[in-house]
């Protein structure tokens, strides 16, 4: 499995701005947990059978996904409740991307601020492919993985594309049911927390 090609890594990449700073927000924690669910579906480790889910806990070789599979099996929550209350989150994925060498983290000497390199080529404006997904007037994602990344980023408040959720959902392939569940769950929470959403849209940068 190529870690950088997962929906989880792609979504984390959308949170790293052009200066390498990480945007953090609780809505992005929801989106990361949803991304882990979608990755398990795409890897055929999570199956939806009527009102129940079945999870294959055989390791896939990346700790955030293996931990998510175990949590979904041991606690047997509904997927939407785990998206909102699970223990995994944005920093769990980011820290493991750094630990495995997929990302590089450096700390500036003066202010001790964290900066990240996500392993993706940057254009002349410093944008990676993941950041370009969420820019205004972005074109519709071409791949199933990128469509899922865009949907989750927009649900959490990072995206301002010129096309609606249905357009993105149509491109997510066999993971569409999980993407639709995630979109509805996170969008509903964003609506309930408009003040906090506004803070994130202003770009709360950490470290």
C-alpha atoms as a PDB file:
ATOM      1  CA  UNK A   1       0.000   0.000   0.000  1.00  0.00           C
ATOM      2  CA  UNK A   2       1.306   3.450  -0.959  1.00  0.00           C
ATOM      3  CA  UNK A   3       0.611   5.626   2.061  1.00  0.00           C
ATOM      4  CA  UNK A   4       0.693   8.919   0.154  1.00  0.00           C
ATOM      5  CA  UNK A   5      -2.042   7.650  -2.182  1.00  0.00           C
ATOM      6  CA  UNK A   6      -4.522   7.123   0.664  1.00  0.00           C
ATOM      7  CA  UNK A   7      -7.470   9.453   1.156  1.00  0.00           C
ATOM      8  CA  UNK A   8      -6.196  10.075   4.706  1.00  0.00           C
ATOM      9  CA  UNK A   9      -2.789  11.323   3.561  1.00  0.00           C
ATOM     10  CA  UNK A  10      -4.376  13.382   0.795  1.00  0.00           C
ATOM     11  CA  UNK A  11      -6.766  15.062   3.201  1.00  0.00           C
ATOM     12  CA  UNK A  12      -3.923  15.760   5.641  1.00  0.00           C
ATOM     13  CA  UNK A  13      -2.059  17.328   2.720  1.00  0.00           C
ATOM     14  CA  UNK A  14      -4.890  19.789   2.113  1.00  0.00           C
ATOM     15  CA  UNK A  15      -4.327  21.071   5.661  1.00  0.00           C
ATOM     16  CA  UNK A  16      -0.702  22.080   4.998  1.00  0.00           C
ATOM     17  CA  UNK A  17      -0.606  25.575   3.559  1.00  0.00           C
ATOM     18  CA  UNK A  18       1.846  26.968   1.027  1.00  0.00           C
ATOM     19  CA  UNK A  19       4.307  27.884   3.791  1.00  0.00           C
ATOM     20  CA  UNK A  20       4.225  24.388   5.253  1.00  0.00           C
ATOM     21  CA  UNK A  21       2.046  25.338   8.229  1.00  0.00           C
ATOM     22  CA  UNK A  22      -0.675  22.996   9.463  1.00  0.00           C
ATOM     23  CA  UNK A  23      -4.276  24.160   9.808  1.00  0.00           C
ATOM     24  CA  UNK A  24      -5.985  22.354  12.706  1.00  0.00           C
ATOM     25  CA  UNK A  25      -9.647  22.213  13.692  1.00  0.00           C
ATOM     26  CA  UNK A  26     -11.997  19.679  15.275  1.00  0.00           C
ATOM     27  CA  UNK A  27     -13.971  19.468  12.025  1.00  0.00           C
ATOM     28  CA  UNK A  28     -10.777  18.260  10.356  1.00  0.00           C
ATOM     29  CA  UNK A  29     -10.481  15.544  13.023  1.00  0.00           C
ATOM     30  CA  UNK A  30     -13.937  14.358  11.942  1.00  0.00           C
ATOM     31  CA  UNK A  31     -12.845  14.457   8.311  1.00  0.00           C
ATOM     32  CA  UNK A  32      -9.655  12.482   9.000  1.00  0.00           C
ATOM     33  CA  UNK A  33     -11.583   9.735  10.775  1.00  0.00           C
ATOM     34  CA  UNK A  34     -13.984   9.641   7.830  1.00  0.00           C
ATOM     35  CA  UNK A  35     -10.980   9.380   5.501  1.00  0.00           C
ATOM     36  CA  UNK A  36      -9.713   6.361   7.440  1.00  0.00           C
ATOM     37  CA  UNK A  37     -13.124   4.715   7.017  1.00  0.00           C
ATOM     38  CA  UNK A  38     -13.081   5.434   3.282  1.00  0.00           C
ATOM     39  CA  UNK A  39      -9.545   4.048   2.956  1.00  0.00           C
ATOM     40  CA  UNK A  40     -10.656   0.824   4.650  1.00  0.00           C
ATOM     41  CA  UNK A  41     -13.562   0.591   2.208  1.00  0.00           C
ATOM     42  CA  UNK A  42     -11.256   1.222  -0.772  1.00  0.00           C
ATOM     43  CA  UNK A  43      -8.902  -1.500   0.503  1.00  0.00           C
ATOM     44  CA  UNK A  44     -11.895  -3.850   0.869  1.00  0.00           C
ATOM     45  CA  UNK A  45     -11.325  -4.114   4.628  1.00  0.00           C
ATOM     46  CA  UNK A  46     -14.669  -2.588   5.586  1.00  0.00           C
ATOM     47  CA  UNK A  47     -17.976  -3.745   4.150  1.00  0.00           C
ATOM     48  CA  UNK A  48     -21.483  -2.434   4.626  1.00  0.00           C
ATOM     49  CA  UNK A  49     -24.144  -5.148   4.949  1.00  0.00           C
ATOM     50  CA  UNK A  50     -27.606  -3.632   5.345  1.00  0.00           C
ATOM     51  CA  UNK A  51     -27.509  -1.935   8.759  1.00  0.00           C
ATOM     52  CA  UNK A  52     -24.260  -3.556   9.932  1.00  0.00           C
ATOM     53  CA  UNK A  53     -20.601  -3.199   9.040  1.00  0.00           C
ATOM     54  CA  UNK A  54     -17.956  -5.895   8.785  1.00  0.00           C
ATOM     55  CA  UNK A  55     -14.300  -5.023   9.346  1.00  0.00           C
ATOM     56  CA  UNK A  56     -11.263  -7.104   8.422  1.00  0.00           C
ATOM     57  CA  UNK A  57      -8.616  -6.434  11.082  1.00  0.00           C
ATOM     58  CA  UNK A  58      -5.691  -8.101   9.274  1.00  0.00           C
ATOM     59  CA  UNK A  59      -2.953  -5.421   9.234  1.00  0.00           C
ATOM     60  CA  UNK A  60      -2.574  -3.328   6.103  1.00  0.00           C
ATOM     61  CA  UNK A  61       0.806  -2.027   7.247  1.00  0.00           C
ATOM     62  CA  UNK A  62      -0.018   1.548   8.213  1.00  0.00           C
ATOM     63  CA  UNK A  63      -0.739   2.210  11.892  1.00  0.00           C
ATOM     64  CA  UNK A  64      -3.604   4.770  11.566  1.00  0.00           C
ATOM     65  CA  UNK A  65      -5.606   2.382   9.361  1.00  0.00           C
ATOM     66  CA  UNK A  66      -4.823  -0.688  11.461  1.00  0.00           C
ATOM     67  CA  UNK A  67      -5.788   1.179  14.655  1.00  0.00           C
ATOM     68  CA  UNK A  68      -9.017   2.419  13.069  1.00  0.00           C
ATOM     69  CA  UNK A  69      -9.967  -1.113  12.002  1.00  0.00           C
ATOM     70  CA  UNK A  70      -9.381  -2.427  15.524  1.00  0.00           C
ATOM     71  CA  UNK A  71     -11.365   0.401  17.105  1.00  0.00           C
ATOM     72  CA  UNK A  72     -14.305  -0.183  14.790  1.00  0.00           C
ATOM     73  CA  UNK A  73     -14.263  -3.895  15.639  1.00  0.00           C
ATOM     74  CA  UNK A  74     -13.687  -3.707  19.393  1.00  0.00           C
ATOM     75  CA  UNK A  75     -16.190  -0.965  20.177  1.00  0.00           C
ATOM     76  CA  UNK A  76     -18.700  -1.712  17.413  1.00  0.00           C
ATOM     77  CA  UNK A  77     -19.848   1.896  17.059  1.00  0.00           C
ATOM     78  CA  UNK A  78     -21.872   3.143  14.143  1.00  0.00           C
ATOM     79  CA  UNK A  79     -19.663   4.744  11.510  1.00  0.00           C
ATOM     80  CA  UNK A  80     -21.117   8.194  11.980  1.00  0.00           C
ATOM     81  CA  UNK A  81     -20.651   8.054  15.762  1.00  0.00           C
ATOM     82  CA  UNK A  82     -17.012   6.940  15.348  1.00  0.00           C
ATOM     83  CA  UNK A  83     -16.389   9.803  12.901  1.00  0.00           C
ATOM     84  CA  UNK A  84     -17.552  12.212  15.614  1.00  0.00           C
ATOM     85  CA  UNK A  85     -16.119  10.583  18.744  1.00  0.00           C
ATOM     86  CA  UNK A  86     -13.262   8.265  17.736  1.00  0.00           C
ATOM     87  CA  UNK A  87      -9.808   8.653  19.259  1.00  0.00           C
ATOM     88  CA  UNK A  88      -7.928   9.000  15.964  1.00  0.00           C
ATOM     89  CA  UNK A  89      -7.599  12.465  14.499  1.00  0.00           C
ATOM     90  CA  UNK A  90      -5.642  14.800  12.304  1.00  0.00           C
ATOM     91  CA  UNK A  91      -2.436  14.814  14.376  1.00  0.00           C
ATOM     92  CA  UNK A  92      -2.418  11.015  14.666  1.00  0.00           C
ATOM     93  CA  UNK A  93      -2.226  10.762  10.882  1.00  0.00           C
ATOM     94  CA  UNK A  94       0.223  13.669  10.499  1.00  0.00           C
ATOM     95  CA  UNK A  95       2.575  12.325  13.185  1.00  0.00           C
ATOM     96  CA  UNK A  96       2.583   8.869  11.618  1.00  0.00           C
ATOM     97  CA  UNK A  97       3.260  10.287   8.153  1.00  0.00           C
ATOM     98  CA  UNK A  98       6.320  11.946   9.696  1.00  0.00           C
ATOM     99  CA  UNK A  99       7.317   8.814  11.618  1.00  0.00           C
ATOM    100  CA  UNK A 100       7.264   6.648   8.491  1.00  0.00           C
ATOM    101  CA  UNK A 101       9.233   9.199   6.473  1.00  0.00           C
ATOM    102  CA  UNK A 102       6.401   9.976   4.075  1.00  0.00           C
ATOM    103  CA  UNK A 103       6.414  13.579   5.354  1.00  0.00           C
ATOM    104  CA  UNK A 104       9.230  15.699   6.764  1.00  0.00           C
ATOM    105  CA  UNK A 105       8.708  17.968   9.751  1.00  0.00           C
ATOM    106  CA  UNK A 106      11.105  20.697  10.721  1.00  0.00           C
ATOM    107  CA  UNK A 107      10.976  23.224  13.535  1.00  0.00           C
ATOM    108  CA  UNK A 108      12.010  26.812  12.895  1.00  0.00           C
ATOM    109  CA  UNK A 109      14.863  27.848  15.221  1.00  0.00           C
ATOM    110  CA  UNK A 110      13.476  31.184  16.347  1.00  0.00           C
ATOM    111  CA  UNK A 111       9.800  30.638  17.105  1.00  0.00           C
ATOM    112  CA  UNK A 112       9.914  26.847  17.256  1.00  0.00           C
ATOM    113  CA  UNK A 113       7.125  26.674  14.680  1.00  0.00           C
ATOM    114  CA  UNK A 114       6.463  23.420  12.886  1.00  0.00           C
ATOM    115  CA  UNK A 115       6.695  23.220   9.106  1.00  0.00           C
ATOM    116  CA  UNK A 116       5.818  20.197   6.975  1.00  0.00           C
ATOM    117  CA  UNK A 117       6.873  18.889   3.590  1.00  0.00           C
ATOM    118  CA  UNK A 118       4.294  16.412   2.321  1.00  0.00           C
ATOM    119  CA  UNK A 119       6.343  14.651  -0.333  1.00  0.00           C
ATOM    120  CA  UNK A 120       4.324  16.180  -3.160  1.00  0.00           C
ATOM    121  CA  UNK A 121       5.711  18.426  -5.928  1.00  0.00           C
ATOM    122  CA  UNK A 122       4.801  22.097  -5.611  1.00  0.00           C
ATOM    123  CA  UNK A 123       3.869  24.526  -8.342  1.00  0.00           C
ATOM    124  CA  UNK A 124       5.380  28.005  -8.625  1.00  0.00           C
ATOM    125  CA  UNK A 125       2.941  29.284  -5.984  1.00  0.00           C
ATOM    126  CA  UNK A 126       4.037  26.595  -3.539  1.00  0.00           C
ATOM    127  CA  UNK A 127       0.819  24.577  -3.874  1.00  0.00           C
ATOM    128  CA  UNK A 128       0.783  20.801  -3.866  1.00  0.00           C
ATOM    129  CA  UNK A 129      -1.783  18.826  -5.862  1.00  0.00           C
ATOM    130  CA  UNK A 130      -3.825  18.403  -2.664  1.00  0.00           C
ATOM    131  CA  UNK A 131      -3.878  22.140  -2.007  1.00  0.00           C
ATOM    132  CA  UNK A 132      -4.931  22.800  -5.586  1.00  0.00           C
ATOM    133  CA  UNK A 133      -7.985  20.608  -5.013  1.00  0.00           C
ATOM    134  CA  UNK A 134      -9.422  23.144  -2.565  1.00  0.00           C
ATOM    135  CA  UNK A 135      -8.542  26.403  -4.298  1.00  0.00           C
ATOM    136  CA  UNK A 136     -11.368  28.559  -5.679  1.00  0.00           C
ATOM    137  CA  UNK A 137     -12.404  27.611  -9.219  1.00  0.00           C
ATOM    138  CA  UNK A 138     -10.718  24.223  -8.918  1.00  0.00           C
ATOM    139  CA  UNK A 139     -11.723  21.731 -11.579  1.00  0.00           C
ATOM    140  CA  UNK A 140     -13.576  18.568 -10.606  1.00  0.00           C
ATOM    141  CA  UNK A 141     -11.234  15.835  -9.297  1.00  0.00           C
ATOM    142  CA  UNK A 142     -10.307  13.262 -11.909  1.00  0.00           C
ATOM    143  CA  UNK A 143      -9.639  10.266  -9.643  1.00  0.00           C
ATOM    144  CA  UNK A 144     -11.793   8.473  -7.080  1.00  0.00           C
ATOM    145  CA  UNK A 145      -9.215   9.177  -4.376  1.00  0.00           C
ATOM    146  CA  UNK A 146      -9.059  12.895  -5.141  1.00  0.00           C
ATOM    147  CA  UNK A 147     -12.850  13.130  -5.272  1.00  0.00           C
ATOM    148  CA  UNK A 148     -13.026  11.672  -1.756  1.00  0.00           C
ATOM    149  CA  UNK A 149     -10.316  14.079  -0.533  1.00  0.00           C
ATOM    150  CA  UNK A 150     -12.174  17.052  -1.996  1.00  0.00           C
ATOM    151  CA  UNK A 151     -15.515  16.003  -0.500  1.00  0.00           C
ATOM    152  CA  UNK A 152     -14.088  15.630   2.997  1.00  0.00           C
ATOM    153  CA  UNK A 153     -12.114  18.860   2.816  1.00  0.00           C
ATOM    154  CA  UNK A 154     -15.163  20.771   1.649  1.00  0.00           C
ATOM    155  CA  UNK A 155     -17.423  19.144   4.242  1.00  0.00           C
ATOM    156  CA  UNK A 156     -15.002  20.328   6.931  1.00  0.00           C
ATOM    157  CA  UNK A 157     -14.847  23.825   5.448  1.00  0.00           C
ATOM    158  CA  UNK A 158     -11.632  23.855   3.415  1.00  0.00           C
ATOM    159  CA  UNK A 159     -13.118  23.689  -0.077  1.00  0.00           C
ATOM    160  CA  UNK A 160     -14.752  26.317  -2.261  1.00  0.00           C
ATOM    161  CA  UNK A 161     -15.076  24.560  -5.611  1.00  0.00           C
ATOM    162  CA  UNK A 162     -17.575  25.549  -8.245  1.00  0.00           C
ATOM    163  CA  UNK A 163     -19.352  22.186  -8.318  1.00  0.00           C
ATOM    164  CA  UNK A 164     -21.693  20.567  -5.833  1.00  0.00           C
ATOM    165  CA  UNK A 165     -21.328  17.496  -3.637  1.00  0.00           C
ATOM    166  CA  UNK A 166     -23.239  15.269  -6.059  1.00  0.00           C
ATOM    167  CA  UNK A 167     -20.613  15.893  -8.721  1.00  0.00           C
ATOM    168  CA  UNK A 168     -17.884  14.772  -6.343  1.00  0.00           C
ATOM    169  CA  UNK A 169     -19.859  11.793  -5.073  1.00  0.00           C
ATOM    170  CA  UNK A 170     -20.366  10.510  -8.603  1.00  0.00           C
ATOM    171  CA  UNK A 171     -16.586  10.196  -8.921  1.00  0.00           C
ATOM    172  CA  UNK A 172     -15.899   8.215  -5.732  1.00  0.00           C
ATOM    173  CA  UNK A 173     -16.630   4.765  -7.165  1.00  0.00           C
ATOM    174  CA  UNK A 174     -17.244   1.870  -4.801  1.00  0.00           C
ATOM    175  CA  UNK A 175     -16.642   4.041  -1.731  1.00  0.00           C
ATOM    176  CA  UNK A 176     -19.548   6.331  -2.592  1.00  0.00           C
ATOM    177  CA  UNK A 177     -21.776   5.089   0.236  1.00  0.00           C
ATOM    178  CA  UNK A 178     -19.051   5.852   2.816  1.00  0.00           C
ATOM    179  CA  UNK A 179     -18.294   9.232   1.223  1.00  0.00           C
ATOM    180  CA  UNK A 180     -21.968  10.156   1.296  1.00  0.00           C
ATOM    181  CA  UNK A 181     -22.257   9.161   4.961  1.00  0.00           C
ATOM    182  CA  UNK A 182     -19.170  11.228   5.785  1.00  0.00           C
ATOM    183  CA  UNK A 183     -20.406  14.252   3.830  1.00  0.00           C
ATOM    184  CA  UNK A 184     -23.762  14.230   5.611  1.00  0.00           C
ATOM    185  CA  UNK A 185     -22.274  13.664   9.074  1.00  0.00           C
ATOM    186  CA  UNK A 186     -19.566  16.329   8.888  1.00  0.00           C
ATOM    187  CA  UNK A 187     -21.715  18.894   7.059  1.00  0.00           C
ATOM    188  CA  UNK A 188     -24.392  18.524   9.729  1.00  0.00           C
ATOM    189  CA  UNK A 189     -21.846  19.124  12.503  1.00  0.00           C
ATOM    190  CA  UNK A 190     -20.385  22.110  10.663  1.00  0.00           C
ATOM    191  CA  UNK A 191     -23.858  23.660  10.454  1.00  0.00           C
ATOM    192  CA  UNK A 192     -24.368  23.109  14.192  1.00  0.00           C
ATOM    193  CA  UNK A 193     -21.045  24.804  14.984  1.00  0.00           C
ATOM    194  CA  UNK A 194     -21.016  27.810  12.688  1.00  0.00           C
ATOM    195  CA  UNK A 195     -18.959  29.978  15.062  1.00  0.00           C
ATOM    196  CA  UNK A 196     -16.188  27.409  15.299  1.00  0.00           C
ATOM    197  CA  UNK A 197     -16.428  26.828  11.568  1.00  0.00           C
ATOM    198  CA  UNK A 198     -15.783  30.517  11.007  1.00  0.00           C
ATOM    199  CA  UNK A 199     -12.560  30.316  13.014  1.00  0.00           C
ATOM    200  CA  UNK A 200     -11.327  27.484  10.837  1.00  0.00           C
ATOM    201  CA  UNK A 201     -12.252  29.263   7.622  1.00  0.00           C
ATOM    202  CA  UNK A 202     -10.119  32.153   8.804  1.00  0.00           C
ATOM    203  CA  UNK A 203      -7.216  29.661   8.856  1.00  0.00           C
ATOM    204  CA  UNK A 204      -6.172  28.822  12.404  1.00  0.00           C
ATOM    205  CA  UNK A 205      -2.550  27.795  11.995  1.00  0.00           C
ATOM    206  CA  UNK A 206      -0.762  25.896  14.727  1.00  0.00           C
ATOM    207  CA  UNK A 207       2.883  25.750  15.670  1.00  0.00           C
END
